[in-house]
């Protein structure tokens, strides 16, 4: 089994996500969040009370 690492640093509404694959960031609050992952994907997340959530990928992984 391979190893993994994940650490998040919150700075107000901005969250820096550190992982083995690189650095990503997200902006928003508990209900609405826009994320750019370390591999280049962009996603929009909406979280509603009661455990309901919706996630949409806005752009796929960046080409190498």
Protein backbone atom coordinates (compact mmCIF):
# COMPACT_ATOMS: atom_id res chain seq x y z
CA UNK A 1 0.00 0.00 0.00
CA UNK A 2 1.31 3.45 -0.90
CA UNK A 3 1.58 6.38 1.46
CA UNK A 4 -0.49 9.52 1.46
CA UNK A 5 -0.40 12.94 3.07
CA UNK A 6 -3.06 15.60 3.45
CA UNK A 7 -3.03 18.84 5.44
CA UNK A 8 -5.42 21.80 5.23
CA UNK A 9 -4.62 25.34 6.35
CA UNK A 10 -7.56 27.73 6.73
CA UNK A 11 -7.05 31.46 6.19
CA UNK A 12 -10.51 33.01 6.47
CA UNK A 13 -12.64 31.80 3.53
CA UNK A 14 -9.51 30.47 1.75
CA UNK A 15 -8.29 26.94 2.41
CA UNK A 16 -4.90 25.69 1.24
CA UNK A 17 -4.81 21.92 0.77
CA UNK A 18 -1.39 20.29 0.89
CA UNK A 19 -1.06 16.72 -0.33
CA UNK A 20 1.47 14.35 -1.78
CA UNK A 21 0.36 15.33 -5.30
CA UNK A 22 0.80 19.08 -4.72
CA UNK A 23 -0.99 22.17 -3.47
CA UNK A 24 -4.64 22.94 -4.11
CA UNK A 25 -6.89 25.70 -2.84
CA UNK A 26 -10.55 26.34 -2.24
CA UNK A 27 -12.66 29.36 -1.45
CA UNK A 28 -16.06 29.58 0.18
CA UNK A 29 -17.96 28.59 3.29
CA UNK A 30 -19.83 25.54 4.59
CA UNK A 31 -22.68 25.93 2.08
CA UNK A 32 -20.85 26.94 -1.11
CA UNK A 33 -17.24 26.19 -2.11
CA UNK A 34 -15.13 26.44 -5.28
CA UNK A 35 -12.04 24.20 -5.35
CA UNK A 36 -8.98 23.86 -7.56
CA UNK A 37 -7.17 20.59 -6.85
CA UNK A 38 -3.45 19.92 -7.08
CA UNK A 39 -3.93 18.15 -10.43
CA UNK A 40 -5.82 21.09 -11.98
CA UNK A 41 -9.49 20.06 -11.65
CA UNK A 42 -11.98 22.75 -10.67
CA UNK A 43 -15.14 21.82 -8.79
CA UNK A 44 -18.16 23.62 -7.37
CA UNK A 45 -19.75 22.19 -4.21
CA UNK A 46 -23.07 23.07 -2.58
CA UNK A 47 -23.85 21.55 0.82
CA UNK A 48 -27.36 21.83 2.25
CA UNK A 49 -28.52 21.11 5.80
CA UNK A 50 -29.61 17.54 6.45
CA UNK A 51 -26.69 15.94 4.63
CA UNK A 52 -27.69 16.85 1.06
CA UNK A 53 -24.88 17.91 -1.23
CA UNK A 54 -24.24 18.57 -4.91
CA UNK A 55 -20.86 18.64 -6.67
CA UNK A 56 -20.10 19.64 -10.26
CA UNK A 57 -16.73 19.41 -12.01
CA UNK A 58 -16.22 22.69 -13.86
CA UNK A 59 -13.08 21.67 -15.73
CA UNK A 60 -11.23 18.43 -16.06
CA UNK A 61 -7.60 17.75 -15.26
CA UNK A 62 -5.01 19.98 -16.89
CA UNK A 63 -3.10 18.40 -19.79
CA UNK A 64 0.62 17.65 -19.25
